[in-house]
Amino acid sequence: MQRHETDAVSVTFALIFLGIVSAWLLVAAGGADVAGLRYFFPVLLLGAGGAGLISSLLRGRRDRA
């Protein structure tokens, strides 16, 4: 089987989706208060964006070499 490059956009959206689902499960199960999740989504989006940025920077360096 041939190896292929990881698609950073797909990974980013997968992380966003998993964060939304996990937050929904926490609220639905009563394990978290909605007010307590005020900073969860912005931190999740910043983390996913940072991961995408680092991935594109590393890919650019690898392509130049």
C-alpha atoms as a PDB file:
ATOM      1  CA  MET A   1       0.000   0.000   0.000  1.00  0.00           C
ATOM      2  CA  GLN A   2       1.357   3.412  -0.954  1.00  0.00           C
ATOM      3  CA  ARG A   3       1.825   6.022   1.722  1.00  0.00           C
ATOM      4  CA  HIS A   4       0.207   9.432   1.187  1.00  0.00           C
ATOM      5  CA  GLU A   5       0.528  12.837   2.814  1.00  0.00           C
ATOM      6  CA  THR A   6      -1.796  13.861   5.626  1.00  0.00           C
ATOM      7  CA  ASP A   7      -4.435  16.391   4.622  1.00  0.00           C
ATOM      8  CA  ALA A   8      -4.176  19.197   7.207  1.00  0.00           C
ATOM      9  CA  VAL A   9      -7.634  20.597   6.401  1.00  0.00           C
ATOM     10  CA  SER A  10      -9.309  17.246   7.046  1.00  0.00           C
ATOM     11  CA  VAL A  11      -7.463  16.808  10.326  1.00  0.00           C
ATOM     12  CA  THR A  12      -8.406  20.330  11.427  1.00  0.00           C
ATOM     13  CA  PHE A  13     -12.094  19.819  10.724  1.00  0.00           C
ATOM     14  CA  ALA A  14     -11.994  16.404  12.400  1.00  0.00           C
ATOM     15  CA  LEU A  15     -10.583  18.026  15.549  1.00  0.00           C
ATOM     16  CA  ILE A  16     -13.285  20.699  15.465  1.00  0.00           C
ATOM     17  CA  PHE A  17     -15.989  18.065  15.019  1.00  0.00           C
ATOM     18  CA  LEU A  18     -14.623  15.919  17.850  1.00  0.00           C
ATOM     19  CA  GLY A  19     -14.487  18.957  20.139  1.00  0.00           C
ATOM     20  CA  ILE A  20     -18.098  19.876  19.422  1.00  0.00           C
ATOM     21  CA  VAL A  21     -19.271  16.289  19.941  1.00  0.00           C
ATOM     22  CA  SER A  22     -17.336  15.901  23.185  1.00  0.00           C
ATOM     23  CA  ALA A  23     -18.724  19.186  24.522  1.00  0.00           C
ATOM     24  CA  TRP A  24     -22.259  18.129  23.583  1.00  0.00           C
ATOM     25  CA  LEU A  25     -21.783  14.783  25.330  1.00  0.00           C
ATOM     26  CA  LEU A  26     -20.495  16.478  28.483  1.00  0.00           C
ATOM     27  CA  VAL A  27     -23.469  18.835  28.618  1.00  0.00           C
ATOM     28  CA  ALA A  28     -26.005  16.107  27.766  1.00  0.00           C
ATOM     29  CA  ALA A  29     -24.623  13.787  30.440  1.00  0.00           C
ATOM     30  CA  GLY A  30     -24.753  16.554  33.034  1.00  0.00           C
ATOM     31  CA  GLY A  31     -20.999  16.398  33.556  1.00  0.00           C
ATOM     32  CA  ALA A  32     -20.430  20.023  32.609  1.00  0.00           C
ATOM     33  CA  ASP A  33     -22.305  23.271  32.920  1.00  0.00           C
ATOM     34  CA  VAL A  34     -22.815  25.303  29.745  1.00  0.00           C
ATOM     35  CA  ALA A  35     -21.347  28.388  31.423  1.00  0.00           C
ATOM     36  CA  GLY A  36     -18.189  26.384  32.142  1.00  0.00           C
ATOM     37  CA  LEU A  37     -17.669  25.754  28.427  1.00  0.00           C
ATOM     38  CA  ARG A  38     -17.404  29.436  27.575  1.00  0.00           C
ATOM     39  CA  TYR A  39     -13.697  29.186  26.696  1.00  0.00           C
ATOM     40  CA  PHE A  40     -13.718  25.620  25.373  1.00  0.00           C
ATOM     41  CA  PHE A  41     -14.652  26.354  21.748  1.00  0.00           C
ATOM     42  CA  PRO A  42     -12.323  29.334  21.234  1.00  0.00           C
ATOM     43  CA  VAL A  43      -9.406  27.366  22.697  1.00  0.00           C
ATOM     44  CA  LEU A  44     -10.299  24.382  20.521  1.00  0.00           C
ATOM     45  CA  LEU A  45     -10.420  26.550  17.385  1.00  0.00           C
ATOM     46  CA  LEU A  46      -7.141  28.282  18.264  1.00  0.00           C
ATOM     47  CA  GLY A  47      -5.475  24.926  18.853  1.00  0.00           C
ATOM     48  CA  ALA A  48      -6.742  23.493  15.574  1.00  0.00           C
ATOM     49  CA  GLY A  49      -5.655  26.626  13.707  1.00  0.00           C
ATOM     50  CA  GLY A  50      -2.237  26.513  15.326  1.00  0.00           C
ATOM     51  CA  ALA A  51      -1.845  22.862  14.376  1.00  0.00           C
ATOM     52  CA  GLY A  52      -2.761  23.685  10.783  1.00  0.00           C
ATOM     53  CA  LEU A  53      -0.307  26.588  10.700  1.00  0.00           C
ATOM     54  CA  ILE A  54       2.535  24.484  12.091  1.00  0.00           C
ATOM     55  CA  SER A  55       1.710  21.715   9.630  1.00  0.00           C
ATOM     56  CA  SER A  56       1.838  24.070   6.648  1.00  0.00           C
ATOM     57  CA  LEU A  57       5.098  25.633   7.857  1.00  0.00           C
ATOM     58  CA  LEU A  58       6.720  22.226   8.291  1.00  0.00           C
ATOM     59  CA  ARG A  59       5.491  21.124   4.871  1.00  0.00           C
ATOM     60  CA  GLY A  60       6.981  24.271   3.312  1.00  0.00           C
ATOM     61  CA  ARG A  61      10.364  23.552   4.862  1.00  0.00           C
ATOM     62  CA  ARG A  62      10.231  19.931   3.735  1.00  0.00           C
ATOM     63  CA  ASP A  63       9.376  20.970   0.155  1.00  0.00           C
ATOM     64  CA  ARG A  64      12.350  23.358  -0.020  1.00  0.00           C
ATOM     65  CA  ALA A  65      14.821  20.701   1.128  1.00  0.00           C
END
